Amino acid sequence: MIPRVRRITALCALAAALTACGTVSGDRPAPAASPSSPASPSSTRPPVLAPGPGGLTPVFEHGPRDRGKTVALTFDADMTADQGPRAASGEHFDNPALIGALRALKVPATVFMTGRWADQYPAEARDLGRDPRFEVANHSWSHYAFTADCYGLPTVDAGRMREDVQRAYTSLRAAGVPRPMPYFRFPGGCYDQQALRALSGLGVTAVQWDVVSGDAFATDADAVVKQVLDGVKPGSVVVMHCTRSAAPTTERVVRTVVPELRRRGYRFVKVSELIGQAGTAR
């Protein structure tokens, strides 16, 4: 049974100022997927989950626990539709230092990028989208919530949810991302059956997580490191952020977490590999 609304309390601070990111390189990366998105099907479409009951959009939280010690780091590139003035005044919704750290550590990763972020940082979106060691997926265009009462985020009307997701894909491709993945992350992690029904037919798999890093607005990197290391299990999906203003410790966290998880025998993969392990519908 899919819960009516799934939220992660550690993300509450995102209601005040949303995060953004860029990512990465990798551990024995899987071959790059052919160009694909719900709007432009391909003969080698990336793996997706089968629709849920009644054709509802499927939801993925973590990979198999028995397929080896794999873990996927994911980074939300958040920027709401109305944050343009803040960017214009000098607030950074990107984080080049984090991107550089991830590349230096050769960690494959998945970036869930809002269309508004891609519009603001097209060169960075293109750079991320063309790096074969990571994949760019959809985080909505507006970063408005798809349910009511989602950490104070403005809400997308039910009749416009599908349009918001499609608009994000348009922005990603316009920025030069050649292969936006058929994966979608709900803003704030908030969804219900109405939202899953609204996106049915788009061919996307909704991707949540099972490990909350707690990096949003964190000032104690060691506490975030502990939370990640304590939470990771085989097949885990870790949610992180990478905006300089809203996730100031994330680079330090990554520089500590990555070598420690490798020491423990973990291999870093992209979300697509975990979904492929879980069983796919083509």
Protein backbone atom coordinates (compact mmCIF):
# COMPACT_ATOMS: atom_id res chain seq x y z
CA MET A 1 0.00 0.00 0.00
CA ILE A 2 1.48 3.36 -1.00
CA PRO A 3 1.24 5.81 1.91
CA ARG A 4 -0.99 8.83 1.37
CA VAL A 5 1.86 11.27 1.84
CA ARG A 6 5.54 10.42 2.36
CA ARG A 7 7.72 13.07 3.93
CA ILE A 8 11.14 13.10 5.54
CA THR A 9 11.30 15.46 8.50
CA ALA A 10 15.00 16.15 8.11
CA LEU A 11 14.15 18.13 4.95
CA CYS A 12 11.86 20.62 6.70
CA ALA A 13 14.37 23.43 6.40
CA LEU A 14 14.02 23.28 2.62
CA ALA A 15 10.79 25.23 2.92
CA ALA A 16 12.74 28.39 3.67
CA ALA A 17 15.45 28.29 1.02
CA LEU A 18 15.82 25.50 -1.46
CA THR A 19 18.95 23.76 -2.53
CA ALA A 20 20.77 23.21 -5.77
CA CYS A 21 23.59 21.19 -7.08
CA GLY A 22 25.82 19.58 -9.55
CA THR A 23 27.59 16.24 -9.51
CA VAL A 24 29.80 13.77 -10.78
CA SER A 25 32.23 11.04 -11.72
CA GLY A 26 32.50 7.34 -10.68
CA ASP A 27 33.36 3.82 -9.47
CA ARG A 28 33.38 1.50 -12.47
CA PRO A 29 30.54 3.43 -14.10
CA ALA A 30 27.88 1.60 -16.05
CA PRO A 31 27.73 2.38 -19.77
CA ALA A 32 26.00 5.66 -20.54
CA ALA A 33 22.37 5.32 -21.49
CA SER A 34 21.22 6.31 -24.94
CA PRO A 35 19.29 9.60 -25.21
CA SER A 36 15.94 9.08 -23.60
CA SER A 37 13.15 10.90 -21.79
CA PRO A 38 9.42 10.39 -21.49
CA ALA A 39 9.00 12.78 -24.41
CA SER A 40 11.63 11.13 -26.61
CA PRO A 41 11.63 7.32 -26.31
CA SER A 42 14.68 5.32 -27.28
CA SER A 43 15.29 1.73 -28.25
CA THR A 44 17.67 1.46 -25.29
CA ARG A 45 15.55 3.24 -22.71
CA PRO A 46 17.00 3.32 -19.17
CA PRO A 47 15.38 0.91 -16.73
CA VAL A 48 12.11 1.97 -15.11
CA LEU A 49 9.73 0.22 -12.75
CA ALA A 50 6.41 -1.16 -13.92
CA PRO A 51 3.38 1.04 -13.17
CA GLY A 52 1.71 0.47 -9.84
CA PRO A 53 -1.89 -0.67 -9.25
CA GLY A 54 -4.31 1.12 -11.54
CA GLY A 55 -1.45 2.43 -13.64
CA LEU A 56 -0.15 4.73 -10.88
CA THR A 57 3.36 6.10 -11.26
CA PRO A 58 5.74 3.58 -9.59
CA VAL A 59 7.83 4.64 -6.59
CA PHE A 60 11.41 3.48 -5.95
CA GLU A 61 13.08 3.93 -2.54
CA HIS A 62 16.12 1.63 -2.55
CA GLY A 63 17.71 -1.20 -4.46
CA PRO A 64 17.93 -4.88 -3.52
CA ARG A 65 19.67 -5.61 -0.24
CA ASP A 66 21.13 -8.87 -1.54
CA ARG A 67 22.92 -7.80 -4.74
CA GLY A 68 26.19 -6.65 -3.20
CA LYS A 69 27.23 -3.51 -1.35
CA THR A 70 26.09 -0.79 -3.72
CA VAL A 71 24.93 2.73 -2.81
CA ALA A 72 23.63 5.64 -4.88
CA LEU A 73 24.38 9.22 -3.90
CA THR A 74 21.71 11.60 -5.20
CA PHE A 75 21.79 15.39 -5.18
CA ASP A 76 18.79 17.67 -5.52
CA ALA A 77 19.33 20.79 -7.62
CA ASP A 78 16.53 22.83 -6.11
CA MET A 79 15.39 26.27 -7.16
CA THR A 80 11.80 27.44 -6.96
CA ALA A 81 10.04 29.35 -9.71
CA ASP A 82 10.12 32.58 -7.70
CA GLN A 83 13.77 32.58 -6.57
CA GLY A 84 15.14 34.46 -9.57
CA PRO A 85 15.59 37.72 -7.63
CA ARG A 86 17.66 35.93 -5.01
CA ALA A 87 19.93 34.50 -7.69
CA ALA A 88 20.18 37.92 -9.33
CA SER A 89 21.25 39.44 -6.01
CA GLY A 90 24.13 36.99 -5.69
CA GLU A 91 22.77 33.93 -3.88
CA HIS A 92 24.40 30.80 -5.25
CA PHE A 93 22.13 27.87 -5.99
CA ASP A 94 25.08 26.00 -7.47
CA ASN A 95 28.19 24.58 -5.82
CA PRO A 96 31.20 24.18 -8.14
CA ALA A 97 33.45 23.04 -5.28
CA LEU A 98 31.17 20.09 -4.57
CA ILE A 99 31.04 19.21 -8.25
CA GLY A 100 34.82 19.29 -8.33
CA ALA A 101 35.08 17.09 -5.25
CA LEU A 102 32.76 14.49 -6.70
CA ARG A 103 34.68 14.41 -9.95
CA ALA A 104 38.01 14.17 -8.16
CA LEU A 105 36.67 11.25 -6.10
CA LYS A 106 35.29 9.62 -9.27
CA VAL A 107 31.86 8.97 -7.81
CA PRO A 108 28.96 8.26 -10.16
CA ALA A 109 25.80 9.99 -9.00
CA THR A 110 22.30 11.08 -9.97
CA VAL A 111 21.28 14.75 -9.98
CA PHE A 112 17.60 15.56 -9.64
CA MET A 113 17.47 18.96 -11.29
CA THR A 114 14.63 21.45 -11.37
CA GLY A 115 13.90 23.09 -14.69
CA ARG A 116 14.22 26.48 -13.00
CA TRP A 117 17.78 25.59 -11.95
CA ALA A 118 18.64 24.52 -15.49
CA ASP A 119 17.23 27.81 -16.78
CA GLN A 120 19.41 29.72 -14.29
CA TYR A 121 22.59 27.71 -14.86
CA PRO A 122 22.39 26.30 -18.40
CA ALA A 123 26.16 25.93 -18.87
CA GLU A 124 26.46 23.94 -15.64
CA ALA A 125 23.41 21.84 -16.46
CA ARG A 126 24.90 21.05 -19.87
CA ASP A 127 28.27 20.20 -18.33
CA LEU A 128 26.65 17.81 -15.87
CA GLY A 129 24.39 16.29 -18.49
CA ARG A 130 27.29 15.49 -20.82
CA ASP A 131 29.49 13.84 -18.20
CA PRO A 132 29.04 10.06 -18.74
CA ARG A 133 29.79 9.30 -15.11
CA PHE A 134 26.49 10.66 -13.86
CA GLU A 135 22.87 11.13 -14.86
CA VAL A 136 20.47 14.07 -14.70
CA ALA A 137 16.84 13.43 -13.74
CA ASN A 138 13.70 15.52 -13.21
CA HIS A 139 12.87 17.37 -9.98
CA SER A 140 9.92 19.37 -11.42
CA TRP A 141 10.22 22.78 -13.04
CA SER A 142 8.98 24.94 -10.17
CA HIS A 143 9.93 22.96 -7.06
CA TYR A 144 6.42 23.62 -5.83
CA ALA A 145 4.87 20.85 -3.76
CA PHE A 146 2.67 18.14 -5.26
CA THR A 147 0.68 17.82 -2.02
CA ALA A 148 -0.65 20.28 0.53
CA ASP A 149 1.26 20.95 3.75
CA CYS A 150 4.72 20.11 2.39
CA TYR A 151 7.17 22.11 4.51
CA GLY A 152 5.58 25.40 3.55
CA LEU A 153 6.29 25.04 -0.16
CA PRO A 154 3.84 26.66 -2.59
CA THR A 155 1.61 24.03 -4.19
CA VAL A 156 1.11 23.00 -7.81
CA ASP A 157 -2.53 22.57 -8.76
CA ALA A 158 -3.38 18.95 -9.53
CA GLY A 159 -4.29 19.90 -13.08
CA ARG A 160 -0.83 21.34 -13.70
CA MET A 161 1.38 18.66 -12.13
CA ARG A 162 1.93 16.84 -15.39
CA GLU A 163 2.69 20.11 -17.20
CA ASP A 164 5.24 21.06 -14.53
CA VAL A 165 7.15 17.82 -15.03
CA GLN A 166 7.03 18.11 -18.82
CA ARG A 167 8.22 21.73 -18.61
CA ALA A 168 11.22 20.59 -16.57
CA TYR A 169 12.21 18.14 -19.31
CA THR A 170 11.92 20.96 -21.84
CA SER A 171 14.26 23.14 -19.75
CA LEU A 172 16.78 20.32 -19.28
CA ARG A 173 16.96 19.67 -23.00
CA ALA A 174 17.09 23.41 -23.81
CA ALA A 175 20.08 23.73 -21.47
CA GLY A 176 21.87 20.99 -23.40
CA VAL A 177 21.26 17.92 -21.24
CA PRO A 178 21.22 15.27 -23.98
CA ARG A 179 19.74 12.35 -22.03
CA PRO A 180 17.46 13.45 -19.19
CA MET A 181 16.54 10.27 -17.36
CA PRO A 182 12.96 9.00 -16.94
CA TYR A 183 13.17 9.47 -13.16
CA PHE A 184 11.30 12.05 -11.09
CA ARG A 185 11.75 13.21 -7.51
CA PHE A 186 8.86 14.97 -5.83
CA PRO A 187 9.78 18.35 -4.29
CA GLY A 188 10.15 17.87 -0.56
CA GLY A 189 9.60 14.14 -1.09
CA CYS A 190 5.86 14.77 -0.69
CA TYR A 191 3.37 12.80 -2.75
CA ASP A 192 0.01 11.08 -2.55
CA GLN A 193 -2.13 8.97 -4.85
CA GLN A 194 -3.49 12.05 -6.60
CA ALA A 195 0.06 13.07 -7.52
CA LEU A 196 0.97 9.54 -8.64
CA ARG A 197 -2.17 9.43 -10.75
CA ALA A 198 -1.46 12.85 -12.29
CA LEU A 199 1.93 11.69 -13.57
CA SER A 200 0.78 8.30 -14.81
CA GLY A 201 1.44 7.77 -18.48
CA LEU A 202 4.58 9.94 -18.51
CA GLY A 203 6.76 6.84 -18.25
CA VAL A 204 8.67 8.09 -15.22
CA THR A 205 9.63 6.25 -12.04
CA ALA A 206 9.33 8.40 -8.91
CA VAL A 207 12.58 8.11 -6.93
CA GLN A 208 12.60 8.65 -3.18
CA TRP A 209 15.36 7.48 -0.79
CA ASP A 210 16.01 5.44 2.33
CA VAL A 211 18.85 7.53 3.81
CA VAL A 212 18.37 11.20 4.72
CA SER A 213 21.73 12.94 4.95
CA GLY A 214 20.37 15.91 6.90
CA ASP A 215 22.74 18.22 4.98
CA ALA A 216 20.19 20.96 4.29
CA PHE A 217 21.30 24.01 6.31
CA ALA A 218 23.56 21.83 8.44
CA THR A 219 26.59 23.49 10.00
CA ASP A 220 28.03 20.37 11.65
CA ALA A 221 29.55 18.24 8.90
CA ASP A 222 30.51 15.48 11.33
CA ALA A 223 26.87 15.03 12.38
CA VAL A 224 25.81 14.70 8.74
CA VAL A 225 28.61 12.20 8.08
CA LYS A 226 27.47 10.08 11.03
CA GLN A 227 23.85 10.14 9.88
CA VAL A 228 24.80 8.94 6.41
CA LEU A 229 27.23 6.25 7.57
CA ASP A 230 24.78 4.98 10.18
CA GLY A 231 21.98 4.78 7.63
CA VAL A 232 23.58 3.23 4.55
CA LYS A 233 22.77 -0.38 3.74
CA PRO A 234 23.30 -2.39 0.54
CA GLY A 235 21.16 -0.82 -2.17
CA SER A 236 20.65 2.48 -0.34
CA VAL A 237 19.68 5.75 -2.01
CA VAL A 238 21.09 8.76 -0.14
CA VAL A 239 19.47 12.18 -0.58
CA MET A 240 21.79 15.19 -0.41
CA HIS A 241 21.91 18.77 -1.65
CA CYS A 242 24.59 20.98 -3.05
CA THR A 243 23.72 24.64 -2.97
CA ARG A 244 26.36 26.85 -1.44
CA SER A 245 23.81 28.88 0.50
CA ALA A 246 21.55 26.08 1.73
CA ALA A 247 23.88 23.07 2.09
CA PRO A 248 27.23 24.52 3.15
CA THR A 249 28.73 21.34 4.61
CA THR A 250 27.97 18.90 1.79
CA GLU A 251 31.36 19.04 0.11
CA ARG A 252 33.11 18.18 3.38
CA VAL A 253 30.59 15.42 4.04
CA VAL A 254 31.21 13.83 0.64
CA ARG A 255 34.99 13.99 1.06
CA THR A 256 34.63 12.00 4.29
CA VAL A 257 31.76 9.64 3.45
CA VAL A 258 33.05 8.43 0.09
CA PRO A 259 36.41 7.01 1.23
CA GLU A 260 34.86 5.54 4.37
CA LEU A 261 32.12 3.73 2.47
CA ARG A 262 34.69 2.45 0.01
CA ARG A 263 36.76 1.20 2.93
CA ARG A 264 33.65 -0.68 4.09
CA GLY A 265 33.38 -2.35 0.70
CA TYR A 266 30.68 -0.22 -0.94
CA ARG A 267 30.59 0.55 -4.64
CA PHE A 268 28.98 3.79 -5.81
CA VAL A 269 26.40 3.52 -8.59
CA LYS A 270 23.77 5.65 -10.27
CA VAL A 271 20.08 5.27 -9.52
CA SER A 272 19.55 3.62 -12.91
CA GLU A 273 21.75 0.70 -11.87
CA LEU A 274 19.78 0.14 -8.68
CA ILE A 275 16.48 0.27 -10.56
CA GLY A 276 17.90 -2.17 -13.07
CA GLN A 277 18.79 -4.54 -10.24
CA ALA A 278 15.30 -4.24 -8.79
CA GLY A 279 13.61 -5.49 -11.93
CA THR A 280 12.51 -3.40 -14.88
CA ALA A 281 9.70 -2.83 -17.32
CA ARG A 282 10.81 -1.77 -20.76
